[in-house]
Protein backbone atom coordinates (compact mmCIF):
# COMPACT_ATOMS: atom_id res chain seq x y z
CA MET A 1 0.01 -0.01 0.00
CA GLY A 2 1.17 3.55 -0.71
CA ARG A 3 2.63 5.44 2.22
CA GLY A 4 1.98 9.01 3.25
CA ASP A 5 5.19 10.13 1.56
CA GLY A 6 4.09 8.70 -1.82
CA THR A 7 6.39 5.70 -1.88
CA GLY A 8 4.83 2.37 -2.78
CA ARG A 9 2.00 4.01 -4.73
CA LEU A 10 -0.03 1.96 -7.20
CA VAL A 11 -1.63 3.34 -10.33
CA SER A 12 -3.69 1.85 -13.15
CA PRO A 13 -2.47 1.74 -16.73
CA ASP A 14 -4.33 3.45 -19.52
CA GLY A 15 -7.35 1.36 -20.56
CA ALA A 16 -7.62 -0.42 -17.18
CA ASP A 17 -10.81 -2.46 -16.77
CA ASP A 18 -13.47 -0.42 -14.91
CA THR A 19 -16.33 -2.89 -15.28
CA GLY A 20 -18.90 -2.60 -12.50
CA THR A 21 -17.52 0.62 -11.08
CA GLY A 22 -19.23 3.98 -10.74
CA ILE A 23 -18.02 5.61 -7.51
CA LEU A 24 -15.05 7.97 -7.57
CA HIS A 25 -13.17 9.24 -4.50
CA VAL A 26 -11.17 12.35 -5.43
CA ASP A 27 -8.54 13.59 -2.97
CA MET A 28 -6.32 16.61 -3.57
CA ASP A 29 -2.64 16.05 -3.03
CA ALA A 30 -1.11 17.77 0.03
CA PHE A 31 -3.71 20.44 -0.56
CA TYR A 32 -2.62 23.30 1.72
CA ALA A 33 1.04 22.88 0.75
CA ALA A 34 0.15 22.60 -2.95
CA VAL A 35 -1.83 25.87 -2.80
CA GLU A 36 1.15 27.60 -1.16
CA VAL A 37 3.40 26.34 -3.97
CA LEU A 38 0.82 27.50 -6.50
CA ASP A 39 0.99 31.04 -5.02
CA ASP A 40 4.79 30.98 -4.66
CA PRO A 41 6.39 28.80 -7.37
CA SER A 42 9.83 29.23 -5.79
CA LEU A 43 8.68 26.65 -3.15
CA LYS A 44 8.22 23.93 -5.74
CA GLY A 45 10.23 20.78 -5.11
CA LYS A 46 11.31 21.89 -1.65
CA PRO A 47 10.36 20.44 1.75
CA LEU A 48 7.49 22.69 2.82
CA ILE A 49 5.51 22.63 6.06
CA VAL A 50 2.24 24.52 6.52
CA GLY A 51 1.22 25.18 10.11
CA GLY A 52 1.77 27.22 13.26
CA VAL A 53 5.37 28.26 12.98
CA GLU A 54 5.96 29.53 16.52
CA GLY A 55 6.07 27.78 19.84
CA ARG A 56 3.67 24.87 19.87
CA GLY A 57 2.28 25.02 16.38
CA VAL A 58 1.24 21.83 14.66
CA VAL A 59 1.65 20.69 11.08
CA SER A 60 -1.48 21.20 8.97
CA SER A 61 0.08 19.99 5.73
CA ALA A 62 3.45 19.03 4.36
CA SER A 63 4.78 18.67 0.84
CA TYR A 64 5.77 15.19 -0.23
CA GLU A 65 9.41 16.30 -0.09
CA ALA A 66 8.97 17.00 3.64
CA ARG A 67 6.98 13.84 4.23
CA ARG A 68 9.92 11.75 3.07
CA PHE A 69 11.73 12.96 6.20
CA GLY A 70 8.89 11.59 8.33
CA VAL A 71 6.87 14.81 8.68
CA ARG A 72 3.17 14.18 9.08
CA SER A 73 -0.01 16.18 9.54
CA ALA A 74 -0.91 16.94 13.18
CA MET A 75 2.72 16.52 14.22
CA ASN A 76 4.19 19.06 16.64
CA MET A 77 6.06 21.67 14.56
CA ALA A 78 9.15 21.41 16.72
CA GLN A 79 9.32 17.64 16.07
CA ALA A 80 8.70 18.18 12.36
CA LEU A 81 11.64 20.62 12.15
CA ARG A 82 13.85 18.20 13.99
CA LEU A 83 13.06 15.60 11.38
CA CYS A 84 13.43 18.02 8.50
CA PRO A 85 15.59 20.99 9.64
CA THR A 86 15.89 22.35 6.03
CA ALA A 87 12.09 22.64 5.68
CA ILE A 88 10.49 25.96 4.71
CA THR A 89 7.55 26.80 7.02
CA VAL A 90 4.59 28.96 6.14
CA THR A 91 1.50 29.96 8.13
CA PRO A 92 -1.86 28.71 6.80
CA HIS A 93 -4.02 30.93 4.57
CA PHE A 94 -7.38 29.26 5.13
CA GLU A 95 -9.48 31.73 3.12
CA ARG A 96 -7.29 31.05 0.11
CA TYR A 97 -7.72 27.27 0.56
CA LEU A 98 -11.48 27.75 0.65
CA ALA A 99 -11.43 29.71 -2.55
CA VAL A 100 -9.39 27.05 -4.37
CA SER A 101 -11.61 24.32 -2.94
CA ALA A 102 -14.65 26.12 -4.44
CA GLN A 103 -12.95 25.90 -7.87
CA VAL A 104 -12.29 22.18 -7.45
CA MET A 105 -15.81 21.39 -6.25
CA SER A 106 -17.19 23.30 -9.24
CA VAL A 107 -15.31 20.96 -11.55
CA PHE A 108 -16.84 17.99 -9.80
CA HIS A 109 -20.35 19.43 -10.11
CA ASP A 110 -19.83 20.01 -13.84
CA VAL A 111 -19.59 16.24 -14.21
CA THR A 112 -22.34 15.06 -11.89
CA PRO A 113 -24.80 16.55 -9.35
CA LEU A 114 -24.09 13.56 -7.10
CA VAL A 115 -21.15 14.99 -5.15
CA GLU A 116 -20.55 14.30 -1.46
CA PRO A 117 -17.73 16.51 -0.11
CA LEU A 118 -15.97 14.92 2.87
CA SER A 119 -13.82 17.93 3.58
CA ILE A 120 -12.20 20.96 1.96
CA ASP A 121 -10.11 18.80 -0.33
CA GLU A 122 -11.85 15.48 -1.00
CA ALA A 123 -15.24 14.22 -2.21
CA PHE A 124 -17.13 11.16 -3.48
CA LEU A 125 -18.77 11.32 -6.92
CA ASP A 126 -21.39 8.93 -8.27
CA VAL A 127 -20.86 8.94 -12.02
CA ARG A 128 -23.07 5.99 -12.92
CA GLY A 129 -25.62 8.38 -14.45
CA ALA A 130 -22.99 10.35 -16.36
CA ARG A 131 -21.77 7.69 -18.75
CA ARG A 132 -23.69 8.88 -21.77
CA LEU A 133 -22.26 12.37 -21.44
CA TRP A 134 -18.71 11.71 -20.29
CA GLY A 135 -17.88 8.02 -20.91
CA SER A 136 -16.97 5.21 -18.56
CA PRO A 137 -15.97 5.83 -14.90
CA GLY A 138 -12.31 5.39 -15.78
CA GLU A 139 -12.58 7.92 -18.61
CA ILE A 140 -14.41 10.34 -16.37
CA ALA A 141 -11.66 10.06 -13.74
CA ARG A 142 -8.93 10.77 -16.25
CA SER A 143 -10.87 13.77 -17.56
CA LEU A 144 -11.38 15.04 -14.02
CA ARG A 145 -7.70 14.82 -13.16
CA ARG A 146 -6.85 16.70 -16.38
CA ARG A 147 -9.47 19.43 -15.74
CA VAL A 148 -8.40 19.94 -12.10
CA ARG A 149 -4.84 20.39 -13.19
CA GLU A 150 -5.71 22.76 -16.05
CA GLU A 151 -8.20 24.88 -14.15
CA THR A 152 -6.50 25.09 -10.74
CA GLY A 153 -2.85 24.15 -11.34
CA LEU A 154 -3.13 21.39 -8.69
CA THR A 155 -3.00 17.61 -8.81
CA CYS A 156 -5.43 15.11 -7.34
CA SER A 157 -5.57 11.39 -6.85
CA ILE A 158 -8.64 9.35 -7.70
CA GLY A 159 -9.90 5.90 -6.71
CA VAL A 160 -12.54 4.31 -8.94
CA ALA A 161 -14.51 1.35 -7.59
CA ALA A 162 -17.93 -0.17 -7.10
CA THR A 163 -18.26 1.17 -3.51
CA LYS A 164 -17.27 4.23 -1.54
CA HIS A 165 -15.03 2.33 0.82
CA VAL A 166 -12.92 0.68 -1.89
CA ALA A 167 -12.78 3.92 -3.89
CA LYS A 168 -11.40 5.72 -0.89
CA MET A 169 -8.80 3.05 -0.29
CA ALA A 170 -7.79 3.13 -3.93
CA SER A 171 -7.27 6.93 -3.98
CA THR A 172 -5.06 6.67 -0.91
CA ILE A 173 -2.89 4.01 -2.50
CA SER A 174 -2.51 5.99 -5.68
CA LYS A 175 -1.25 9.21 -4.07
CA PRO A 176 0.21 11.52 -5.16
CA ASP A 177 -1.11 12.43 -8.60
CA GLY A 178 -2.44 8.92 -9.40
CA LEU A 179 -5.43 7.00 -10.59
CA LEU A 180 -6.29 3.51 -9.40
CA ILE A 181 -9.26 1.58 -10.76
CA VAL A 182 -10.63 -1.51 -9.05
CA ALA A 183 -13.05 -3.39 -11.26
CA ALA A 184 -15.98 -4.91 -9.32
CA ASP A 185 -14.90 -8.54 -9.86
CA ARG A 186 -11.34 -7.69 -8.70
CA THR A 187 -12.42 -6.21 -5.39
CA GLU A 188 -11.47 -9.16 -3.23
CA ASP A 189 -8.11 -9.53 -4.90
CA PHE A 190 -7.45 -5.83 -4.28
CA LEU A 191 -8.52 -6.02 -0.58
CA ARG A 192 -6.90 -9.27 0.58
CA PRO A 193 -3.25 -8.10 0.90
CA ARG A 194 -4.04 -4.77 2.52
CA SER A 195 -3.39 -4.07 6.19
CA VAL A 196 -6.38 -4.00 8.53
CA ARG A 197 -5.33 -0.40 9.20
CA ALA A 198 -6.29 0.50 5.63
CA LEU A 199 -9.98 -0.20 6.32
CA TRP A 200 -11.98 3.01 6.51
CA GLY A 201 -13.08 3.52 10.08
CA ILE A 202 -10.51 1.30 11.76
CA GLY A 203 -8.65 3.40 14.28
CA PRO A 204 -5.44 2.58 16.11
CA LYS A 205 -7.15 0.86 19.06
CA SER A 206 -9.31 -1.34 16.81
CA ALA A 207 -6.28 -2.21 14.72
CA GLU A 208 -4.28 -3.12 17.78
CA ALA A 209 -7.13 -5.30 19.05
CA LEU A 210 -7.10 -7.22 15.76
CA GLU A 211 -3.36 -7.42 15.51
CA ALA A 212 -3.09 -8.78 19.05
CA ARG A 213 -5.11 -11.75 17.74
CA GLY A 214 -2.85 -12.23 14.72
CA ILE A 215 -5.30 -10.50 12.36
CA ARG A 216 -3.03 -8.20 10.40
CA THR A 217 -4.37 -8.19 6.81
CA ILE A 218 -7.84 -8.14 5.28
CA ALA A 219 -7.12 -11.72 4.17
CA ASP A 220 -6.77 -12.62 7.87
CA ILE A 221 -10.19 -11.00 8.55
CA LEU A 222 -11.70 -13.13 5.76
CA ASP A 223 -10.32 -16.21 7.38
CA THR A 224 -11.48 -15.27 10.92
CA PRO A 225 -14.77 -16.53 12.37
CA ARG A 226 -17.28 -13.78 12.90
CA GLY A 227 -17.47 -14.46 16.61
CA VAL A 228 -13.77 -13.65 17.03
CA LEU A 229 -14.26 -10.32 15.32
CA ASP A 230 -17.22 -9.52 17.61
CA ARG A 231 -15.22 -10.33 20.74
CA ALA A 232 -12.32 -8.20 19.54
CA LEU A 233 -14.29 -5.16 18.39
CA GLY A 234 -17.86 -5.49 19.62
CA SER A 235 -20.77 -6.74 17.57
CA ALA A 236 -21.47 -3.52 15.66
CA MET A 237 -17.89 -2.93 14.57
CA GLY A 238 -17.37 -6.64 13.98
CA GLU A 239 -20.32 -6.64 11.54
CA ARG A 240 -19.03 -3.55 9.77
CA ILE A 241 -15.48 -4.92 9.36
CA TRP A 242 -16.86 -8.29 8.21
CA GLN A 243 -18.76 -6.53 5.45
CA LEU A 244 -16.05 -4.04 4.41
CA SER A 245 -13.44 -6.77 4.14
CA ARG A 246 -15.69 -8.44 1.57
CA GLY A 247 -16.17 -5.29 -0.41
CA MET A 248 -19.76 -4.86 0.84
CA ASP A 249 -20.70 -1.20 1.37
CA ALA A 250 -24.31 -0.15 0.81
CA ARG A 251 -23.69 3.56 1.45
CA GLU A 252 -24.71 5.80 -1.44
CA VAL A 253 -23.13 9.11 -2.33
CA ASP A 254 -25.15 11.44 -0.18
CA THR A 255 -25.49 15.11 -1.24
CA GLU A 256 -27.78 16.01 1.65
CA ARG A 257 -25.71 15.03 4.71
CA VAL A 258 -25.58 17.70 7.40
CA GLU A 259 -22.37 18.79 9.04
CA LYS A 260 -21.94 17.09 12.41
CA SER A 261 -20.24 19.96 14.13
CA VAL A 262 -18.34 23.21 13.73
CA GLY A 263 -15.42 24.11 15.95
CA HIS A 264 -12.27 26.18 16.38
CA GLU A 265 -9.43 25.73 18.85
CA GLU A 266 -6.25 27.61 19.75
CA THR A 267 -2.92 26.25 20.99
CA PHE A 268 -1.06 28.99 22.87
CA HIS A 269 2.59 29.82 22.30
CA SER A 270 3.10 29.60 26.10
CA ASP A 271 0.90 28.25 28.90
CA ILE A 272 -1.68 30.75 30.16
CA ASP A 273 -2.90 30.94 33.73
CA GLU A 274 -4.73 34.25 33.56
CA PRO A 275 -8.53 33.73 33.57
CA THR A 276 -9.19 37.06 31.79
CA ILE A 277 -7.00 36.09 28.85
CA LEU A 278 -8.50 32.58 28.63
CA ARG A 279 -12.02 33.96 28.76
CA SER A 280 -11.13 36.43 25.99
CA GLU A 281 -9.80 33.62 23.78
CA LEU A 282 -12.91 31.49 24.38
CA ARG A 283 -15.06 34.47 23.38
CA ARG A 284 -13.02 34.94 20.24
CA LEU A 285 -13.43 31.29 19.26
CA ALA A 286 -17.19 31.39 20.02
CA ASP A 287 -17.58 34.37 17.72
CA ARG A 288 -15.78 32.50 14.95
CA VAL A 289 -17.99 29.44 15.43
CA GLY A 290 -21.08 31.60 15.32
CA ALA A 291 -19.91 33.27 12.10
CA ARG A 292 -19.26 29.93 10.52
CA LEU A 293 -22.69 28.66 11.53
CA ARG A 294 -24.39 31.72 10.06
CA SER A 295 -22.40 31.61 6.80
CA ASN A 296 -23.57 28.01 6.24
CA GLY A 297 -27.17 28.46 7.39
CA TRP A 298 -26.90 26.31 10.52
CA GLU A 299 -27.92 26.56 14.17
CA ALA A 300 -26.48 24.50 17.04
CA ARG A 301 -28.32 22.91 19.92
CA THR A 302 -25.25 21.91 21.90
CA ILE A 303 -22.07 23.85 22.74
CA ALA A 304 -18.88 22.12 23.87
CA ILE A 305 -15.52 23.36 25.14
CA LYS A 306 -12.14 21.69 25.25
CA ILE A 307 -9.39 22.64 27.72
CA ARG A 308 -5.89 21.15 27.64
CA PHE A 309 -3.57 21.88 30.56
CA SER A 310 0.21 22.19 30.57
CA ASP A 311 0.61 18.51 31.49
CA PHE A 312 -1.59 17.57 28.43
CA THR A 313 -4.52 16.51 30.62
CA THR A 314 -7.60 17.38 28.49
CA LEU A 315 -11.11 18.09 29.64
CA THR A 316 -14.24 18.52 27.58
CA ARG A 317 -17.61 19.79 28.66
CA SER A 318 -20.86 20.25 26.76
CA GLN A 319 -24.17 21.96 27.34
CA THR A 320 -27.45 21.68 25.50
CA LEU A 321 -29.08 25.06 24.96
CA PRO A 322 -32.83 25.76 25.51
CA GLU A 323 -33.04 26.89 21.87
CA PRO A 324 -30.70 26.28 18.93
CA THR A 325 -28.54 29.29 18.04
CA ALA A 326 -25.98 30.70 15.65
CA VAL A 327 -25.36 33.80 17.79
CA GLY A 328 -21.76 34.09 18.85
CA GLN A 329 -22.75 35.99 22.02
CA ARG A 330 -25.01 33.09 23.13
CA ILE A 331 -22.34 30.51 22.22
CA GLY A 332 -19.75 32.44 24.15
CA GLU A 333 -21.94 32.69 27.24
CA ALA A 334 -22.42 28.92 27.24
CA ALA A 335 -18.68 28.33 26.76
CA LEU A 336 -17.70 30.78 29.49
CA GLY A 337 -20.21 29.24 31.90
CA MET A 338 -18.71 25.79 31.42
CA PHE A 339 -15.19 27.21 31.68
CA ASP A 340 -15.90 29.05 34.91
CA ALA A 341 -17.24 25.87 36.47
CA LEU A 342 -13.98 23.97 35.85
CA ASP A 343 -11.25 23.38 38.39
CA ARG A 344 -8.03 24.63 36.76
CA PRO A 345 -5.09 23.26 38.70
CA LEU A 346 -2.53 24.05 36.03
CA PRO A 347 -1.91 26.65 33.32
CA VAL A 348 -3.75 26.10 30.04
CA ARG A 349 -2.11 25.01 26.80
CA LEU A 350 -5.13 24.86 24.47
CA VAL A 351 -8.77 26.02 24.41
CA GLY A 352 -11.47 25.05 21.92
CA VAL A 353 -15.13 25.80 21.29
CA ARG A 354 -17.46 23.58 19.25
CA ALA A 355 -21.08 23.71 18.12
CA GLU A 356 -22.82 20.38 17.84
CA LYS A 357 -26.24 18.88 16.97
CA LEU A 358 -26.64 21.17 14.05
CA ARG A 359 -29.84 21.86 12.09
CA PRO A 360 -30.83 24.29 9.35
CA SER A 361 -31.45 27.83 10.59
CA GLY A 362 -35.09 28.64 11.30
CA GLY A 363 -36.09 24.98 11.44
CA GLY A 364 -37.86 25.22 14.82
CA ASP A 365 -40.95 26.81 16.14
CA LEU A 366 -40.98 30.61 16.39
CA ALA A 367 -40.73 31.94 19.91
CA LEU A 368 -43.10 34.73 21.14
CA TRP A 369 -40.06 36.99 21.49
CA ASP A 370 -36.39 36.76 20.48
CA ASP A 371 -33.98 37.39 23.38
CA ASP A 372 -31.07 37.55 20.89
CA GLU A 373 -32.67 39.94 18.43
CA GLU A 374 -30.26 42.79 19.21
CA TRP A 375 -27.22 40.50 19.04
CA ARG A 376 -28.42 39.08 15.72
CA ARG A 377 -28.42 42.61 14.28
CA VAL A 378 -24.96 43.34 15.67
CA GLU A 379 -23.47 40.09 14.39
CA GLY A 380 -25.20 40.49 11.07
CA ALA A 381 -23.43 43.83 10.69
CA LEU A 382 -20.15 42.11 11.57
CA ASP A 383 -20.80 39.45 8.93
CA ASP A 384 -21.43 42.20 6.35
CA ALA A 385 -18.21 43.97 7.35
CA ALA A 386 -16.24 40.72 7.11
CA ALA A 387 -17.68 40.07 3.61
CA ARG A 388 -16.66 43.54 2.45
CA PHE A 389 -13.35 44.10 4.28
CA GLY A 390 -12.20 40.69 5.49
CA ARG A 391 -12.54 38.80 8.74
CA GLY A 392 -11.26 40.82 11.72
CA ALA A 393 -11.99 44.21 10.15
CA VAL A 394 -14.48 44.82 12.96
CA THR A 395 -14.27 42.97 16.28
CA ARG A 396 -14.97 43.21 20.00
CA ALA A 397 -12.79 45.78 21.81
CA THR A 398 -11.77 43.07 24.31
CA LEU A 399 -10.35 40.96 21.45
CA ILE A 400 -8.08 43.63 19.96
CA GLY A 401 -4.50 42.42 19.93
CA GLY A 402 -4.78 39.20 17.95
CA PRO A 403 -4.91 35.57 19.01
CA ARG A 404 -2.13 34.24 21.27
CA GLY A 405 -1.61 30.99 19.52
CA GLY A 406 -0.58 29.60 16.19
CA THR A 407 -3.01 26.84 15.35
CA ALA A 408 -6.42 28.48 15.10
CA LEU A 409 -7.65 26.66 12.01
CA PRO A 410 -11.18 25.26 11.99
CA SER A 411 -11.14 21.85 13.53
CA HIS A 412 -13.11 20.33 10.65
CA PRO A 413 -12.61 22.52 7.58
CA ARG A 414 -15.26 21.81 4.93
CA ALA A 415 -15.59 22.56 1.27
CA PRO A 416 -17.37 25.89 0.62
CA GLY A 417 -21.10 25.40 0.50
CA SER A 418 -20.75 21.80 1.71
CA ASP A 419 -23.11 20.31 4.28
CA SER A 420 -21.40 16.96 4.28
CA ALA A 421 -19.94 15.20 7.26
CA GLY A 422 -17.02 12.97 6.64
CA PRO A 423 -15.36 10.61 9.04
CA GLY A 424 -14.15 12.60 12.02
CA SER A 425 -13.64 12.55 15.71
CA GLY A 426 -14.72 14.68 18.62
CA LEU A 427 -14.06 18.20 19.76
CA GLY A 428 -11.08 19.85 18.25
CA SER A 429 -9.68 16.97 16.14
CA ALA A 430 -8.33 18.88 13.20
CA ARG A 431 -8.75 17.69 9.63
CA HIS A 432 -5.39 17.91 8.01
CA ASP A 433 -5.04 17.47 4.26
CA GLY A 434 -3.51 14.49 2.50
């Protein structure tokens, strides 16, 4: 199987059999880093790391040249620079990534309306209904790769298969800048030699539970009695792995899925023990969460916070609101209330705010009066100012001075206009590009 640095990649030859396929998984290659190279061609071919460049920043993306030194997404920046001391580091430009993502997604929608974005830089496409217009799935994939390169200057990798799961595995194996087609009747041959860790949804703990029983490849899963899988993983996960290892995946490309959550977090350059500063940062993050909710037409019923102390102990708390909201003031009040109730024995390294249990705005019953009406007007004016002059042009007086950390990217960046929810974890687990 291909590795994160691009070694061991597999690609299909021209004219590869695509019988029985129809699902494409398209994944941009090292997306954030690639956009930085696009904007500054002098970076091409050099080890490049995108992320918080001071103190405790983390790697959001790395070029393949940097990955060959062992640099990985979500790695501490200090560790990444020890592995690759010659790397060039740049801070993220998230608005720029969103703009390029919109271009990419537009190309996808030109081919088929059945597009399910998983994040800012990857999506599933169902092209079974597009054959008459664009040709076979393999031909469509080749055309997509060519169009993405011509229209954005970036490369992508595509997996073509009969199911979403196999298509996603195939795109990963073909990275970077590759195309791998798995014909329907070749699915088991494709799956058997792969590591159990390649299965979509298998995390490190599940993989360790299987490997402890000598189950290391998908072939081993196929040869393992179902009861053993259930005892190792639980009945629900055991059933899922049993099916996926046989190429069974009934999930359709879903264009209507709703985002699971929206969050932002901040890792500080140095530990902070001053409650006033911590409260200010939580308020800043709450405002950003609210703005993101409003821009996507969502409201949240539950607000959660994440606090990581200097010894890496991490606490999360959540609160269900009486009424769903997209008002940053209301989100901030909930976040601060939970924060004030916490015992804080040590200085704080990281804070995060997340909105959960999302629904479309205005989806509930109308109240007799709106306690947040004034704040809605204020924040609506802030949204207008941000659209005209850029985010941060107008802000709270208490927030003037800029954030005190280097990793304040959204914790689950999504494609512009996307309501999809891809595989993800809980509060603050950043989605870093591949």
